[in-house]
Amino acid sequence: LNNVYKQDGTMEKGVSFAYLLRTGDWSFPVQAKIKNFKNRSEYSEYTLAPNGKILVFTTEMKNSFGAKDMYVSFASVDGTWTEPQNLGPVVNTGEAESTPFIAPDGVTLYFSSPGHIGYGNNDIFMTRRLDDTWTNWSEPENLGPVINTPQWDGYFSVSAKGDYAYFSSVNEKNNAEDIYRIKIP
């Protein structure tokens, strides 16, 4: 969950986890404590790898290449998360990267960016991790005009079954975001 939730009902920047209990209820959100996490941006987005031990997120920190960059943090044995590591200049640009999603293979990363060449003001891209450093990525590929529009596009995700992809796009007619689903060939 985006934000840290306090018992008094207030919130602060960060990320939390809620767990489905055996009763069918959700637990109160528990803060994910990320070492030296500081977000200079008003916004942030998070994605948890299928193994539950890798968190990729967007934030603006001192070592960002511009606005929000994508970072990775790893679960520690003590329940905390490691200091954020910038994914590097192949995926991050001087613009604000956003809406990361780690595919079920744990290697493919989808994200949205206005900083790579695209069809609109914010397109969806795909890149693949080339090794275990999390800083070595393939050149981001634009998902093309079937998905990307002249408007804002983001939040691309693939269903666990791998048969459908979902994404959000601004509809030109009413200038509002809608959620779309496409069949994956």
C-alpha atoms as a PDB file:
ATOM      1  CA  LEU A   1       0.000   0.000   0.000  1.00  0.00           C
ATOM      2  CA  ASN A   2       1.240   3.471  -0.802  1.00  0.00           C
ATOM      3  CA  ASN A   3       1.905   5.498   2.392  1.00  0.00           C
ATOM      4  CA  VAL A   4       2.577   4.663   6.026  1.00  0.00           C
ATOM      5  CA  TYR A   5      -0.633   4.448   8.056  1.00  0.00           C
ATOM      6  CA  LYS A   6      -0.671   5.514  11.680  1.00  0.00           C
ATOM      7  CA  GLN A   7      -3.104   4.343  14.356  1.00  0.00           C
ATOM      8  CA  ASP A   8      -4.442   7.915  14.744  1.00  0.00           C
ATOM      9  CA  GLY A   9      -5.584   7.909  11.091  1.00  0.00           C
ATOM     10  CA  THR A  10      -2.791  10.105   9.709  1.00  0.00           C
ATOM     11  CA  MET A  11      -0.389   9.082   6.953  1.00  0.00           C
ATOM     12  CA  GLU A  12       3.139   9.871   5.787  1.00  0.00           C
ATOM     13  CA  LYS A  13       5.210   9.015   2.697  1.00  0.00           C
ATOM     14  CA  GLY A  14       6.377   5.434   2.413  1.00  0.00           C
ATOM     15  CA  VAL A  15       5.007   1.985   1.764  1.00  0.00           C
ATOM     16  CA  SER A  16       3.122  -0.524   3.930  1.00  0.00           C
ATOM     17  CA  PHE A  17       1.966  -4.109   3.722  1.00  0.00           C
ATOM     18  CA  ALA A  18      -1.420  -5.463   4.760  1.00  0.00           C
ATOM     19  CA  TYR A  19      -1.932  -9.186   5.137  1.00  0.00           C
ATOM     20  CA  LEU A  20      -5.046 -11.261   4.515  1.00  0.00           C
ATOM     21  CA  LEU A  21      -5.886 -12.965   7.786  1.00  0.00           C
ATOM     22  CA  ARG A  22      -7.450 -16.418   8.181  1.00  0.00           C
ATOM     23  CA  THR A  23     -10.642 -14.661   9.278  1.00  0.00           C
ATOM     24  CA  GLY A  24     -10.902 -13.095   5.812  1.00  0.00           C
ATOM     25  CA  ASP A  25     -10.150  -9.624   7.187  1.00  0.00           C
ATOM     26  CA  TRP A  26      -7.106  -7.537   6.320  1.00  0.00           C
ATOM     27  CA  SER A  27      -4.491  -6.660   8.935  1.00  0.00           C
ATOM     28  CA  PHE A  28      -3.769  -3.043   9.786  1.00  0.00           C
ATOM     29  CA  PRO A  29      -1.058  -1.823   7.346  1.00  0.00           C
ATOM     30  CA  VAL A  30       2.481  -2.396   8.629  1.00  0.00           C
ATOM     31  CA  GLN A  31       5.230  -0.005   7.511  1.00  0.00           C
ATOM     32  CA  ALA A  32       7.932  -1.424   5.246  1.00  0.00           C
ATOM     33  CA  LYS A  33      11.051   0.074   6.814  1.00  0.00           C
ATOM     34  CA  ILE A  34      13.434   0.927   3.984  1.00  0.00           C
ATOM     35  CA  LYS A  35      16.917   1.979   5.092  1.00  0.00           C
ATOM     36  CA  ASN A  36      17.693   5.644   4.266  1.00  0.00           C
ATOM     37  CA  PHE A  37      14.448   6.066   2.298  1.00  0.00           C
ATOM     38  CA  LYS A  38      13.685   9.704   1.492  1.00  0.00           C
ATOM     39  CA  ASN A  39      11.147  10.704  -1.147  1.00  0.00           C
ATOM     40  CA  ARG A  40      11.472  14.270  -2.423  1.00  0.00           C
ATOM     41  CA  SER A  41       8.540  13.785  -4.802  1.00  0.00           C
ATOM     42  CA  GLU A  42       4.880  14.108  -3.942  1.00  0.00           C
ATOM     43  CA  TYR A  43       4.265  10.754  -5.640  1.00  0.00           C
ATOM     44  CA  SER A  44       5.670   7.247  -5.569  1.00  0.00           C
ATOM     45  CA  GLU A  45       4.643   3.876  -6.982  1.00  0.00           C
ATOM     46  CA  TYR A  46       5.659   0.403  -5.817  1.00  0.00           C
ATOM     47  CA  THR A  47       5.725  -3.133  -7.190  1.00  0.00           C
ATOM     48  CA  LEU A  48       6.605  -6.278  -5.280  1.00  0.00           C
ATOM     49  CA  ALA A  49       8.356  -9.100  -7.146  1.00  0.00           C
ATOM     50  CA  PRO A  50       6.519 -12.423  -7.216  1.00  0.00           C
ATOM     51  CA  ASN A  51       8.979 -13.874  -4.669  1.00  0.00           C
ATOM     52  CA  GLY A  52       7.951 -11.152  -2.157  1.00  0.00           C
ATOM     53  CA  LYS A  53      11.586 -10.239  -1.461  1.00  0.00           C
ATOM     54  CA  ILE A  54      12.270  -7.514  -4.035  1.00  0.00           C
ATOM     55  CA  LEU A  55      10.597  -4.120  -4.070  1.00  0.00           C
ATOM     56  CA  VAL A  56      10.940  -1.835  -7.100  1.00  0.00           C
ATOM     57  CA  PHE A  57       9.622   1.681  -6.711  1.00  0.00           C
ATOM     58  CA  THR A  58       9.792   5.223  -7.989  1.00  0.00           C
ATOM     59  CA  THR A  59      11.039   8.014  -5.805  1.00  0.00           C
ATOM     60  CA  GLU A  60      13.109  11.151  -6.069  1.00  0.00           C
ATOM     61  CA  MET A  61      16.315  11.027  -4.030  1.00  0.00           C
ATOM     62  CA  LYS A  62      19.659  12.858  -4.004  1.00  0.00           C
ATOM     63  CA  ASN A  63      21.140  10.477  -6.591  1.00  0.00           C
ATOM     64  CA  SER A  64      18.165  10.606  -8.997  1.00  0.00           C
ATOM     65  CA  PHE A  65      18.949  11.494 -12.613  1.00  0.00           C
ATOM     66  CA  GLY A  66      16.204  14.115 -12.615  1.00  0.00           C
ATOM     67  CA  ALA A  67      12.697  13.748 -11.292  1.00  0.00           C
ATOM     68  CA  LYS A  68      11.477  10.357 -10.003  1.00  0.00           C
ATOM     69  CA  ASP A  69      13.730   7.389 -10.775  1.00  0.00           C
ATOM     70  CA  MET A  70      13.192   3.673 -10.315  1.00  0.00           C
ATOM     71  CA  TYR A  71      14.971   2.037  -7.383  1.00  0.00           C
ATOM     72  CA  VAL A  72      15.199  -1.478  -5.962  1.00  0.00           C
ATOM     73  CA  SER A  73      15.289  -2.607  -2.334  1.00  0.00           C
ATOM     74  CA  PHE A  74      15.687  -6.143  -0.986  1.00  0.00           C
ATOM     75  CA  ALA A  75      14.046  -7.779   2.006  1.00  0.00           C
ATOM     76  CA  SER A  76      16.466  -8.352   4.887  1.00  0.00           C
ATOM     77  CA  VAL A  77      16.323 -11.255   7.321  1.00  0.00           C
ATOM     78  CA  ASP A  78      15.286  -8.881  10.142  1.00  0.00           C
ATOM     79  CA  GLY A  79      12.162  -7.753   8.234  1.00  0.00           C
ATOM     80  CA  THR A  80      13.564  -4.413   7.061  1.00  0.00           C
ATOM     81  CA  TRP A  81      14.453  -3.446   3.504  1.00  0.00           C
ATOM     82  CA  THR A  82      17.890  -2.521   2.150  1.00  0.00           C
ATOM     83  CA  GLU A  83      18.873   0.992   1.135  1.00  0.00           C
ATOM     84  CA  PRO A  84      17.340   1.894  -2.261  1.00  0.00           C
ATOM     85  CA  GLN A  85      19.614   1.218  -5.236  1.00  0.00           C
ATOM     86  CA  ASN A  86      19.050   3.280  -8.398  1.00  0.00           C
ATOM     87  CA  LEU A  87      18.341   1.066 -11.437  1.00  0.00           C
ATOM     88  CA  GLY A  88      20.694   3.208 -13.531  1.00  0.00           C
ATOM     89  CA  PRO A  89      20.685   5.448 -16.621  1.00  0.00           C
ATOM     90  CA  VAL A  90      19.452   2.867 -19.142  1.00  0.00           C
ATOM     91  CA  VAL A  91      15.943   2.911 -17.630  1.00  0.00           C
ATOM     92  CA  ASN A  92      15.980   6.200 -15.697  1.00  0.00           C
ATOM     93  CA  THR A  93      15.990   9.548 -17.489  1.00  0.00           C
ATOM     94  CA  GLY A  94      15.894  13.202 -16.475  1.00  0.00           C
ATOM     95  CA  GLU A  95      12.090  12.940 -16.531  1.00  0.00           C
ATOM     96  CA  ALA A  96       9.808  11.222 -13.997  1.00  0.00           C
ATOM     97  CA  GLU A  97       9.660   7.458 -14.443  1.00  0.00           C
ATOM     98  CA  SER A  98       6.549   5.895 -12.935  1.00  0.00           C
ATOM     99  CA  THR A  99       4.286   2.862 -12.476  1.00  0.00           C
ATOM    100  CA  PRO A 100       6.846   0.005 -12.380  1.00  0.00           C
ATOM    101  CA  PHE A 101       5.631  -3.607 -12.591  1.00  0.00           C
ATOM    102  CA  ILE A 102       7.825  -6.698 -12.261  1.00  0.00           C
ATOM    103  CA  ALA A 103       6.482  -9.514 -14.431  1.00  0.00           C
ATOM    104  CA  PRO A 104       6.017 -13.033 -13.033  1.00  0.00           C
ATOM    105  CA  ASP A 105       9.398 -14.065 -14.511  1.00  0.00           C
ATOM    106  CA  GLY A 106      11.148 -11.675 -12.074  1.00  0.00           C
ATOM    107  CA  VAL A 107      13.293 -10.350 -14.944  1.00  0.00           C
ATOM    108  CA  THR A 108      10.946  -8.249 -17.086  1.00  0.00           C
ATOM    109  CA  LEU A 109      10.092  -4.754 -15.894  1.00  0.00           C
ATOM    110  CA  TYR A 110       7.310  -2.601 -17.324  1.00  0.00           C
ATOM    111  CA  PHE A 111       7.183   1.114 -16.534  1.00  0.00           C
ATOM    112  CA  SER A 112       5.908   4.437 -17.791  1.00  0.00           C
ATOM    113  CA  SER A 113       8.076   7.388 -18.801  1.00  0.00           C
ATOM    114  CA  PRO A 114       8.010  10.654 -20.748  1.00  0.00           C
ATOM    115  CA  GLY A 115      11.826  10.522 -20.978  1.00  0.00           C
ATOM    116  CA  HIS A 116      12.178   7.787 -23.612  1.00  0.00           C
ATOM    117  CA  ILE A 117      11.052   8.221 -27.238  1.00  0.00           C
ATOM    118  CA  GLY A 118       7.360   7.468 -27.493  1.00  0.00           C
ATOM    119  CA  TYR A 119       3.964   8.119 -29.042  1.00  0.00           C
ATOM    120  CA  GLY A 120       2.656  10.532 -26.435  1.00  0.00           C
ATOM    121  CA  ASN A 121       3.492  12.467 -23.326  1.00  0.00           C
ATOM    122  CA  ASN A 122       4.000   9.320 -21.191  1.00  0.00           C
ATOM    123  CA  ASP A 123       4.352   5.848 -22.733  1.00  0.00           C
ATOM    124  CA  ILE A 124       4.688   2.312 -21.383  1.00  0.00           C
ATOM    125  CA  PHE A 125       8.021   0.553 -21.896  1.00  0.00           C
ATOM    126  CA  MET A 126       9.475  -2.893 -21.230  1.00  0.00           C
ATOM    127  CA  THR A 127      13.044  -3.759 -20.260  1.00  0.00           C
ATOM    128  CA  ARG A 128      14.739  -6.948 -19.074  1.00  0.00           C
ATOM    129  CA  ARG A 129      17.288  -7.350 -16.305  1.00  0.00           C
ATOM    130  CA  LEU A 130      20.505  -8.726 -17.832  1.00  0.00           C
ATOM    131  CA  ASP A 131      22.172  -9.902 -14.609  1.00  0.00           C
ATOM    132  CA  ASP A 132      21.710  -9.932 -10.841  1.00  0.00           C
ATOM    133  CA  THR A 133      23.097  -6.416 -10.235  1.00  0.00           C
ATOM    134  CA  TRP A 134      19.755  -4.672 -10.906  1.00  0.00           C
ATOM    135  CA  THR A 135      21.688  -1.931 -12.745  1.00  0.00           C
ATOM    136  CA  ASN A 136      22.220  -3.743 -16.059  1.00  0.00           C
ATOM    137  CA  TRP A 137      19.093  -3.528 -18.260  1.00  0.00           C
ATOM    138  CA  SER A 138      18.208  -4.025 -21.906  1.00  0.00           C
ATOM    139  CA  GLU A 139      17.353  -0.879 -23.858  1.00  0.00           C
ATOM    140  CA  PRO A 140      13.715  -0.065 -22.968  1.00  0.00           C
ATOM    141  CA  GLU A 141      11.252  -1.027 -25.711  1.00  0.00           C
ATOM    142  CA  ASN A 142       8.135   1.047 -26.333  1.00  0.00           C
ATOM    143  CA  LEU A 143       5.053  -1.222 -26.254  1.00  0.00           C
ATOM    144  CA  GLY A 144       3.804   0.467 -29.428  1.00  0.00           C
ATOM    145  CA  PRO A 145       0.723   2.346 -30.633  1.00  0.00           C
ATOM    146  CA  VAL A 146      -1.741  -0.454 -29.819  1.00  0.00           C
ATOM    147  CA  ILE A 147      -1.152   0.341 -26.129  1.00  0.00           C
ATOM    148  CA  ASN A 148       0.432   3.795 -26.094  1.00  0.00           C
ATOM    149  CA  THR A 149      -1.589   6.851 -27.093  1.00  0.00           C
ATOM    150  CA  PRO A 150      -0.800  10.547 -27.577  1.00  0.00           C
ATOM    151  CA  GLN A 151      -1.956  10.976 -23.948  1.00  0.00           C
ATOM    152  CA  TRP A 152      -0.720   9.563 -20.604  1.00  0.00           C
ATOM    153  CA  ASP A 153      -0.341   5.756 -20.354  1.00  0.00           C
ATOM    154  CA  GLY A 154       0.846   3.703 -17.372  1.00  0.00           C
ATOM    155  CA  TYR A 155       0.225   1.034 -14.726  1.00  0.00           C
ATOM    156  CA  PHE A 156       0.859  -1.861 -17.125  1.00  0.00           C
ATOM    157  CA  SER A 157       0.524  -5.235 -15.409  1.00  0.00           C
ATOM    158  CA  VAL A 158       0.200  -8.842 -16.505  1.00  0.00           C
ATOM    159  CA  SER A 159      -2.241 -11.248 -14.865  1.00  0.00           C
ATOM    160  CA  ALA A 160      -0.729 -14.101 -12.848  1.00  0.00           C
ATOM    161  CA  LYS A 161      -2.018 -16.528 -15.462  1.00  0.00           C
ATOM    162  CA  GLY A 162      -0.291 -14.501 -18.202  1.00  0.00           C
ATOM    163  CA  ASP A 163      -3.312 -14.341 -20.486  1.00  0.00           C
ATOM    164  CA  TYR A 164      -4.232 -10.660 -20.103  1.00  0.00           C
ATOM    165  CA  ALA A 165      -2.471  -7.359 -19.548  1.00  0.00           C
ATOM    166  CA  TYR A 166      -4.087  -4.374 -17.861  1.00  0.00           C
ATOM    167  CA  PHE A 167      -3.111  -0.733 -18.141  1.00  0.00           C
ATOM    168  CA  SER A 168      -4.405   2.768 -17.611  1.00  0.00           C
ATOM    169  CA  SER A 169      -4.682   5.360 -20.344  1.00  0.00           C
ATOM    170  CA  VAL A 170      -6.134   8.851 -20.662  1.00  0.00           C
ATOM    171  CA  ASN A 171      -9.117   8.799 -22.988  1.00  0.00           C
ATOM    172  CA  GLU A 172      -8.918  11.720 -25.444  1.00  0.00           C
ATOM    173  CA  LYS A 173     -12.714  12.158 -25.575  1.00  0.00           C
ATOM    174  CA  ASN A 174     -13.243  12.959 -21.899  1.00  0.00           C
ATOM    175  CA  ASN A 175      -9.601  13.571 -20.859  1.00  0.00           C
ATOM    176  CA  ALA A 176      -9.987  11.061 -18.002  1.00  0.00           C
ATOM    177  CA  GLU A 177      -8.105   7.865 -17.147  1.00  0.00           C
ATOM    178  CA  ASP A 178      -9.698   4.507 -17.880  1.00  0.00           C
ATOM    179  CA  ILE A 179      -8.480   0.958 -17.260  1.00  0.00           C
ATOM    180  CA  TYR A 180      -8.035  -1.260 -20.316  1.00  0.00           C
ATOM    181  CA  ARG A 181      -7.502  -4.985 -20.743  1.00  0.00           C
ATOM    182  CA  ILE A 182      -5.877  -6.682 -23.717  1.00  0.00           C
ATOM    183  CA  LYS A 183      -5.384 -10.364 -24.548  1.00  0.00           C
ATOM    184  CA  ILE A 184      -1.728 -11.365 -24.664  1.00  0.00           C
ATOM    185  CA  PRO A 185      -0.995 -13.388 -27.807  1.00  0.00           C
END
